[in-house]
PDB file of all heavy atoms in Angstrom:
ATOM      1  N   GLY A   1     -44.666 -64.110  58.757  1.00  0.00           N
ATOM      2  CA  GLY A   1     -43.422 -64.779  59.062  1.00  0.00           C
ATOM      3  C   GLY A   1     -42.405 -64.919  58.062  1.00  0.00           C
ATOM      4  O   GLY A   1     -41.488 -65.675  58.082  1.00  0.00           O
ATOM      5  N   LEU A   2     -42.375 -63.996  57.039  1.00  0.00           N
ATOM      6  CA  LEU A   2     -41.424 -64.068  55.998  1.00  0.00           C
ATOM      7  C   LEU A   2     -40.104 -63.445  56.504  1.00  0.00           C
ATOM      8  O   LEU A   2     -40.065 -62.527  57.375  1.00  0.00           O
ATOM      9  CB  LEU A   2     -41.854 -63.246  54.776  1.00  0.00           C
ATOM     10  CG  LEU A   2     -43.087 -63.891  54.064  1.00  0.00           C
ATOM     11  CD1 LEU A   2     -43.442 -63.005  52.869  1.00  0.00           C
ATOM     12  CD2 LEU A   2     -42.849 -65.200  53.603  1.00  0.00           C
ATOM     13  N   LYS A   3     -39.052 -63.806  55.936  1.00  0.00           N
ATOM     14  CA  LYS A   3     -37.734 -63.332  56.167  1.00  0.00           C
ATOM     15  C   LYS A   3     -37.417 -61.968  55.405  1.00  0.00           C
ATOM     16  O   LYS A   3     -38.092 -61.840  54.308  1.00  0.00           O
ATOM     17  CB  LYS A   3     -36.591 -64.273  55.849  1.00  0.00           C
ATOM     18  CG  LYS A   3     -36.743 -65.408  56.876  1.00  0.00           C
ATOM     19  CD  LYS A   3     -35.556 -66.367  56.649  1.00  0.00           C
ATOM     20  CE  LYS A   3     -35.522 -67.351  57.777  1.00  0.00           C
ATOM     21  NZ  LYS A   3     -35.579 -68.731  57.393  1.00  0.00           N
ATOM     22  N   PRO A   4     -36.603 -61.001  55.835  1.00  0.00           N
ATOM     23  CA  PRO A   4     -36.493 -59.843  54.921  1.00  0.00           C
ATOM     24  C   PRO A   4     -36.127 -60.085  53.512  1.00  0.00           C
ATOM     25  O   PRO A   4     -36.622 -59.359  52.673  1.00  0.00           O
ATOM     26  CB  PRO A   4     -35.290 -59.121  55.688  1.00  0.00           C
ATOM     27  CG  PRO A   4     -35.380 -59.612  57.056  1.00  0.00           C
ATOM     28  CD  PRO A   4     -35.852 -60.985  57.051  1.00  0.00           C
ATOM     29  N   ARG A   5     -35.297 -61.146  53.213  1.00  0.00           N
ATOM     30  CA  ARG A   5     -34.998 -61.367  51.784  1.00  0.00           C
ATOM     31  C   ARG A   5     -36.262 -61.780  51.031  1.00  0.00           C
ATOM     32  O   ARG A   5     -36.484 -61.447  49.885  1.00  0.00           O
ATOM     33  CB  ARG A   5     -33.951 -62.538  51.761  1.00  0.00           C
ATOM     34  CG  ARG A   5     -33.447 -62.882  50.465  1.00  0.00           C
ATOM     35  CD  ARG A   5     -32.402 -63.996  50.469  1.00  0.00           C
ATOM     36  NE  ARG A   5     -33.059 -65.220  50.773  1.00  0.00           N
ATOM     37  CZ  ARG A   5     -32.923 -65.947  51.903  1.00  0.00           C
ATOM     38  NH1 ARG A   5     -32.101 -65.572  52.912  1.00  0.00           N
ATOM     39  NH2 ARG A   5     -33.531 -67.065  52.046  1.00  0.00           N
ATOM     40  N   GLU A   6     -37.190 -62.568  51.833  1.00  0.00           N
ATOM     41  CA  GLU A   6     -38.322 -63.046  51.048  1.00  0.00           C
ATOM     42  C   GLU A   6     -39.311 -61.853  50.934  1.00  0.00           C
ATOM     43  O   GLU A   6     -39.982 -61.721  49.753  1.00  0.00           O
ATOM     44  CB  GLU A   6     -38.991 -64.102  51.929  1.00  0.00           C
ATOM     45  CG  GLU A   6     -38.322 -65.300  52.002  1.00  0.00           C
ATOM     46  CD  GLU A   6     -38.636 -66.300  53.093  1.00  0.00           C
ATOM     47  OE1 GLU A   6     -39.167 -65.893  54.128  1.00  0.00           O
ATOM     48  OE2 GLU A   6     -38.638 -67.501  52.879  1.00  0.00           O
ATOM     49  N   ILE A   7     -39.402 -60.912  51.888  1.00  0.00           N
ATOM     50  CA  ILE A   7     -40.199 -59.675  51.853  1.00  0.00           C
ATOM     51  C   ILE A   7     -39.727 -58.850  50.615  1.00  0.00           C
ATOM     52  O   ILE A   7     -40.624 -58.325  49.867  1.00  0.00           O
ATOM     53  CB  ILE A   7     -40.148 -58.929  53.144  1.00  0.00           C
ATOM     54  CG1 ILE A   7     -40.799 -59.732  54.309  1.00  0.00           C
ATOM     55  CG2 ILE A   7     -40.877 -57.611  52.952  1.00  0.00           C
ATOM     56  CD1 ILE A   7     -40.556 -59.159  55.640  1.00  0.00           C
ATOM     57  N   ALA A   8     -38.418 -58.653  50.509  1.00  0.00           N
ATOM     58  CA  ALA A   8     -37.943 -57.898  49.427  1.00  0.00           C
ATOM     59  C   ALA A   8     -38.252 -58.432  48.056  1.00  0.00           C
ATOM     60  O   ALA A   8     -38.661 -57.786  47.101  1.00  0.00           O
ATOM     61  CB  ALA A   8     -36.341 -57.894  49.417  1.00  0.00           C
ATOM     62  N   LYS A   9     -38.312 -59.694  47.962  1.00  0.00           N
ATOM     63  CA  LYS A   9     -38.635 -60.454  46.684  1.00  0.00           C
ATOM     64  C   LYS A   9     -40.214 -60.129  46.445  1.00  0.00           C
ATOM     65  O   LYS A   9     -40.560 -59.805  45.356  1.00  0.00           O
ATOM     66  CB  LYS A   9     -38.296 -61.921  46.726  1.00  0.00           C
ATOM     67  CG  LYS A   9     -38.385 -62.620  45.473  1.00  0.00           C
ATOM     68  CD  LYS A   9     -38.122 -64.115  45.655  1.00  0.00           C
ATOM     69  CE  LYS A   9     -36.613 -64.406  45.154  1.00  0.00           C
ATOM     70  NZ  LYS A   9     -36.389 -65.869  45.267  1.00  0.00           N
ATOM     71  N   VAL A  10     -41.015 -60.311  47.431  1.00  0.00           N
ATOM     72  CA  VAL A  10     -42.409 -60.169  47.351  1.00  0.00           C
ATOM     73  C   VAL A  10     -42.863 -58.704  46.928  1.00  0.00           C
ATOM     74  O   VAL A  10     -43.635 -58.490  46.071  1.00  0.00           O
ATOM     75  CB  VAL A  10     -43.212 -60.620  48.612  1.00  0.00           C
ATOM     76  CG1 VAL A  10     -44.702 -60.089  48.551  1.00  0.00           C
ATOM     77  CG2 VAL A  10     -43.103 -62.088  48.920  1.00  0.00           C
ATOM     78  N   LEU A  11     -42.160 -57.790  47.580  1.00  0.00           N
ATOM     79  CA  LEU A  11     -42.584 -56.381  47.346  1.00  0.00           C
ATOM     80  C   LEU A  11     -41.653 -55.706  46.212  1.00  0.00           C
ATOM     81  O   LEU A  11     -41.920 -54.629  45.887  1.00  0.00           O
ATOM     82  CB  LEU A  11     -42.305 -55.603  48.635  1.00  0.00           C
ATOM     83  CG  LEU A  11     -43.175 -55.997  49.801  1.00  0.00           C
ATOM     84  CD1 LEU A  11     -42.865 -55.218  50.910  1.00  0.00           C
ATOM     85  CD2 LEU A  11     -44.690 -55.859  49.445  1.00  0.00           C
ATOM     86  N   GLY A  12     -40.743 -56.516  45.626  1.00  0.00           N
ATOM     87  CA  GLY A  12     -39.884 -55.881  44.629  1.00  0.00           C
ATOM     88  C   GLY A  12     -38.880 -54.774  45.081  1.00  0.00           C
ATOM     89  O   GLY A  12     -38.740 -53.728  44.405  1.00  0.00           O
ATOM     90  N   ARG A  13     -38.436 -54.988  46.306  1.00  0.00           N
ATOM     91  CA  ARG A  13     -37.554 -54.042  47.031  1.00  0.00           C
ATOM     92  C   ARG A  13     -36.236 -54.669  47.193  1.00  0.00           C
ATOM     93  O   ARG A  13     -36.001 -55.855  47.228  1.00  0.00           O
ATOM     94  CB  ARG A  13     -38.095 -53.493  48.285  1.00  0.00           C
ATOM     95  CG  ARG A  13     -39.431 -52.753  47.983  1.00  0.00           C
ATOM     96  CD  ARG A  13     -40.007 -52.228  49.496  1.00  0.00           C
ATOM     97  NE  ARG A  13     -41.395 -51.703  49.136  1.00  0.00           N
ATOM     98  CZ  ARG A  13     -42.232 -51.543  50.116  1.00  0.00           C
ATOM     99  NH1 ARG A  13     -41.989 -51.881  51.334  1.00  0.00           N
ATOM    100  NH2 ARG A  13     -43.507 -51.160  49.870  1.00  0.00           N
ATOM    101  N   ARG A  14     -35.230 -53.904  47.605  1.00  0.00           N
ATOM    102  CA  ARG A  14     -33.892 -54.394  47.924  1.00  0.00           C
ATOM    103  C   ARG A  14     -34.023 -54.899  49.440  1.00  0.00           C
ATOM    104  O   ARG A  14     -34.779 -54.291  50.215  1.00  0.00           O
ATOM    105  CB  ARG A  14     -32.835 -53.355  47.846  1.00  0.00           C
ATOM    106  CG  ARG A  14     -32.567 -52.830  46.439  1.00  0.00           C
ATOM    107  CD  ARG A  14     -31.459 -51.812  46.345  1.00  0.00           C
ATOM    108  NE  ARG A  14     -31.291 -51.220  47.643  1.00  0.00           N
ATOM    109  CZ  ARG A  14     -30.216 -50.537  47.971  1.00  0.00           C
ATOM    110  NH1 ARG A  14     -29.305 -50.365  47.228  1.00  0.00           N
ATOM    111  NH2 ARG A  14     -30.102 -50.016  49.183  1.00  0.00           N
ATOM    112  N   THR A  15     -33.238 -55.850  49.691  1.00  0.00           N
ATOM    113  CA  THR A  15     -33.258 -56.409  51.042  1.00  0.00           C
ATOM    114  C   THR A  15     -32.849 -55.336  52.061  1.00  0.00           C
ATOM    115  O   THR A  15     -33.446 -55.255  53.187  1.00  0.00           O
ATOM    116  CB  THR A  15     -32.408 -57.709  51.246  1.00  0.00           C
ATOM    117  OG1 THR A  15     -32.784 -58.601  50.186  1.00  0.00           O
ATOM    118  CG2 THR A  15     -32.408 -58.287  52.519  1.00  0.00           C
ATOM    119  N   ALA A  16     -31.867 -54.558  51.651  1.00  0.00           N
ATOM    120  CA  ALA A  16     -31.473 -53.528  52.654  1.00  0.00           C
ATOM    121  C   ALA A  16     -32.502 -52.481  52.916  1.00  0.00           C
ATOM    122  O   ALA A  16     -32.706 -52.028  53.990  1.00  0.00           O
ATOM    123  CB  ALA A  16     -30.287 -52.830  52.046  1.00  0.00           C
ATOM    124  N   THR A  17     -33.360 -52.206  51.924  1.00  0.00           N
ATOM    125  CA  THR A  17     -34.466 -51.290  52.080  1.00  0.00           C
ATOM    126  C   THR A  17     -35.443 -51.847  53.076  1.00  0.00           C
ATOM    127  O   THR A  17     -35.976 -51.224  53.895  1.00  0.00           O
ATOM    128  CB  THR A  17     -35.146 -51.009  50.639  1.00  0.00           C
ATOM    129  OG1 THR A  17     -34.083 -50.473  49.843  1.00  0.00           O
ATOM    130  CG2 THR A  17     -36.313 -50.107  50.836  1.00  0.00           C
ATOM    131  N   VAL A  18     -35.788 -53.141  52.827  1.00  0.00           N
ATOM    132  CA  VAL A  18     -36.717 -53.833  53.700  1.00  0.00           C
ATOM    133  C   VAL A  18     -36.240 -53.886  55.115  1.00  0.00           C
ATOM    134  O   VAL A  18     -37.019 -53.581  56.094  1.00  0.00           O
ATOM    135  CB  VAL A  18     -37.018 -55.281  53.305  1.00  0.00           C
ATOM    136  CG1 VAL A  18     -37.812 -56.124  54.168  1.00  0.00           C
ATOM    137  CG2 VAL A  18     -37.862 -55.187  51.866  1.00  0.00           C
ATOM    138  N   GLN A  19     -35.009 -54.131  55.366  1.00  0.00           N
ATOM    139  CA  GLN A  19     -34.357 -54.088  56.736  1.00  0.00           C
ATOM    140  C   GLN A  19     -34.486 -52.769  57.329  1.00  0.00           C
ATOM    141  O   GLN A  19     -34.795 -52.579  58.524  1.00  0.00           O
ATOM    142  CB  GLN A  19     -33.035 -54.716  56.616  1.00  0.00           C
ATOM    143  CG  GLN A  19     -32.864 -56.205  56.383  1.00  0.00           C
ATOM    144  CD  GLN A  19     -31.518 -56.658  56.190  1.00  0.00           C
ATOM    145  OE1 GLN A  19     -30.616 -55.945  55.599  1.00  0.00           O
ATOM    146  NE2 GLN A  19     -31.276 -57.966  56.567  1.00  0.00           N
ATOM    147  N   GLN A  20     -34.267 -51.721  56.574  1.00  0.00           N
ATOM    148  CA  GLN A  20     -34.297 -50.350  57.054  1.00  0.00           C
ATOM    149  C   GLN A  20     -35.787 -50.113  57.449  1.00  0.00           C
ATOM    150  O   GLN A  20     -36.097 -49.437  58.443  1.00  0.00           O
ATOM    151  CB  GLN A  20     -33.752 -49.451  56.048  1.00  0.00           C
ATOM    152  CG  GLN A  20     -33.759 -48.029  56.597  1.00  0.00           C
ATOM    153  CD  GLN A  20     -33.117 -47.009  55.510  1.00  0.00           C
ATOM    154  OE1 GLN A  20     -33.560 -47.053  54.454  1.00  0.00           O
ATOM    155  NE2 GLN A  20     -32.180 -46.242  56.000  1.00  0.00           N
ATOM    156  N   GLN A  21     -36.721 -50.473  56.657  1.00  0.00           N
ATOM    157  CA  GLN A  21     -38.206 -50.179  56.819  1.00  0.00           C
ATOM    158  C   GLN A  21     -38.625 -50.977  58.054  1.00  0.00           C
ATOM    159  O   GLN A  21     -39.471 -50.398  58.869  1.00  0.00           O
ATOM    160  CB  GLN A  21     -38.963 -50.602  55.566  1.00  0.00           C
ATOM    161  CG  GLN A  21     -38.754 -49.529  54.501  1.00  0.00           C
ATOM    162  CD  GLN A  21     -39.474 -50.004  53.172  1.00  0.00           C
ATOM    163  OE1 GLN A  21     -39.588 -51.185  52.902  1.00  0.00           O
ATOM    164  NE2 GLN A  21     -39.758 -49.032  52.359  1.00  0.00           N
ATOM    165  N   LEU A  22     -38.105 -52.162  58.207  1.00  0.00           N
ATOM    166  CA  LEU A  22     -38.465 -52.967  59.462  1.00  0.00           C
ATOM    167  C   LEU A  22     -37.950 -52.210  60.670  1.00  0.00           C
ATOM    168  O   LEU A  22     -38.702 -52.125  61.619  1.00  0.00           O
ATOM    169  CB  LEU A  22     -37.774 -54.364  59.407  1.00  0.00           C
ATOM    170  CG  LEU A  22     -38.581 -55.383  58.455  1.00  0.00           C
ATOM    171  CD1 LEU A  22     -37.715 -56.591  58.253  1.00  0.00           C
ATOM    172  CD2 LEU A  22     -39.994 -55.727  59.108  1.00  0.00           C
ATOM    173  N   THR A  23     -36.694 -51.767  60.644  1.00  0.00           N
ATOM    174  CA  THR A  23     -36.113 -51.060  61.765  1.00  0.00           C
ATOM    175  C   THR A  23     -36.889 -49.740  62.176  1.00  0.00           C
ATOM    176  O   THR A  23     -37.318 -49.632  63.297  1.00  0.00           O
ATOM    177  CB  THR A  23     -34.771 -50.661  61.681  1.00  0.00           C
ATOM    178  OG1 THR A  23     -33.994 -51.910  61.414  1.00  0.00           O
ATOM    179  CG2 THR A  23     -34.128 -49.951  62.606  1.00  0.00           C
ATOM    180  N   ARG A  24     -37.142 -48.960  61.125  1.00  0.00           N
ATOM    181  CA  ARG A  24     -37.945 -47.699  61.334  1.00  0.00           C
ATOM    182  C   ARG A  24     -39.346 -48.082  61.716  1.00  0.00           C
ATOM    183  O   ARG A  24     -39.979 -47.408  62.609  1.00  0.00           O
ATOM    184  CB  ARG A  24     -37.898 -46.869  60.054  1.00  0.00           C
ATOM    185  CG  ARG A  24     -36.592 -46.341  59.794  1.00  0.00           C
ATOM    186  CD  ARG A  24     -36.512 -45.463  58.449  1.00  0.00           C
ATOM    187  NE  ARG A  24     -35.229 -44.953  58.286  1.00  0.00           N
ATOM    188  CZ  ARG A  24     -34.877 -44.348  57.155  1.00  0.00           C
ATOM    189  NH1 ARG A  24     -35.773 -44.261  56.153  1.00  0.00           N
ATOM    190  NH2 ARG A  24     -33.575 -43.849  57.049  1.00  0.00           N
ATOM    191  N   GLY A  25     -40.012 -49.023  61.115  1.00  0.00           N
ATOM    192  CA  GLY A  25     -41.338 -49.363  61.504  1.00  0.00           C
ATOM    193  C   GLY A  25     -41.541 -49.800  62.909  1.00  0.00           C
ATOM    194  O   GLY A  25     -42.466 -49.412  63.662  1.00  0.00           O
ATOM    195  N   LYS A  26     -40.501 -50.659  63.338  1.00  0.00           N
ATOM    196  CA  LYS A  26     -40.613 -51.135  64.720  1.00  0.00           C
ATOM    197  C   LYS A  26     -40.413 -49.977  65.677  1.00  0.00           C
ATOM    198  O   LYS A  26     -41.121 -49.951  66.743  1.00  0.00           O
ATOM    199  CB  LYS A  26     -39.440 -52.203  65.055  1.00  0.00           C
ATOM    200  CG  LYS A  26     -39.803 -53.495  64.391  1.00  0.00           C
ATOM    201  CD  LYS A  26     -38.934 -54.648  64.841  1.00  0.00           C
ATOM    202  CE  LYS A  26     -37.576 -54.409  64.129  1.00  0.00           C
ATOM    203  NZ  LYS A  26     -36.653 -55.702  64.295  1.00  0.00           N
ATOM    204  N   SER A  27     -39.552 -49.028  65.317  1.00  0.00           N
ATOM    205  CA  SER A  27     -39.272 -47.837  66.186  1.00  0.00           C
ATOM    206  C   SER A  27     -40.641 -47.011  66.299  1.00  0.00           C
ATOM    207  O   SER A  27     -40.957 -46.621  67.352  1.00  0.00           O
ATOM    208  CB  SER A  27     -38.218 -47.031  65.488  1.00  0.00           C
ATOM    209  OG  SER A  27     -38.066 -45.783  66.277  1.00  0.00           O
ATOM    210  N   LYS A  28     -41.356 -46.987  65.232  1.00  0.00           N
ATOM    211  CA  LYS A  28     -42.603 -46.160  65.171  1.00  0.00           C
ATOM    212  C   LYS A  28     -43.660 -46.885  66.130  1.00  0.00           C
ATOM    213  O   LYS A  28     -44.423 -46.244  66.810  1.00  0.00           O
ATOM    214  CB  LYS A  28     -43.079 -45.929  63.756  1.00  0.00           C
ATOM    215  CG  LYS A  28     -42.292 -44.949  63.029  1.00  0.00           C
ATOM    216  CD  LYS A  28     -42.796 -44.695  61.687  1.00  0.00           C
ATOM    217  CE  LYS A  28     -42.088 -43.686  60.878  1.00  0.00           C
ATOM    218  NZ  LYS A  28     -42.004 -42.403  61.384  1.00  0.00           N
ATOM    219  N   VAL A  29     -43.640 -48.276  65.983  1.00  0.00           N
ATOM    220  CA  VAL A  29     -44.601 -49.082  66.810  1.00  0.00           C
ATOM    221  C   VAL A  29     -44.264 -48.958  68.226  1.00  0.00           C
ATOM    222  O   VAL A  29     -45.192 -48.708  68.977  1.00  0.00           O
ATOM    223  CB  VAL A  29     -44.507 -50.529  66.372  1.00  0.00           C
ATOM    224  CG1 VAL A  29     -45.228 -51.490  67.373  1.00  0.00           C
ATOM    225  CG2 VAL A  29     -45.158 -50.779  64.970  1.00  0.00           C
ATOM    226  N   VAL A  30     -43.022 -48.959  68.590  1.00  0.00           N
ATOM    227  CA  VAL A  30     -42.703 -48.864  70.022  1.00  0.00           C
ATOM    228  C   VAL A  30     -43.076 -47.373  70.559  1.00  0.00           C
ATOM    229  O   VAL A  30     -43.596 -47.278  71.586  1.00  0.00           O
ATOM    230  CB  VAL A  30     -41.183 -49.191  70.287  1.00  0.00           C
ATOM    231  CG1 VAL A  30     -40.770 -48.660  71.675  1.00  0.00           C
ATOM    232  CG2 VAL A  30     -40.909 -50.607  70.051  1.00  0.00           C
TER     233      VAL A  30
END
């Protein structure tokens, strides 16, 4: 239940990168 900004902090990534990975990951899941 973390927000993209929090995920970025946890994983040491940029927020934009996390948002892009979420979008692509959801696309792959669908």
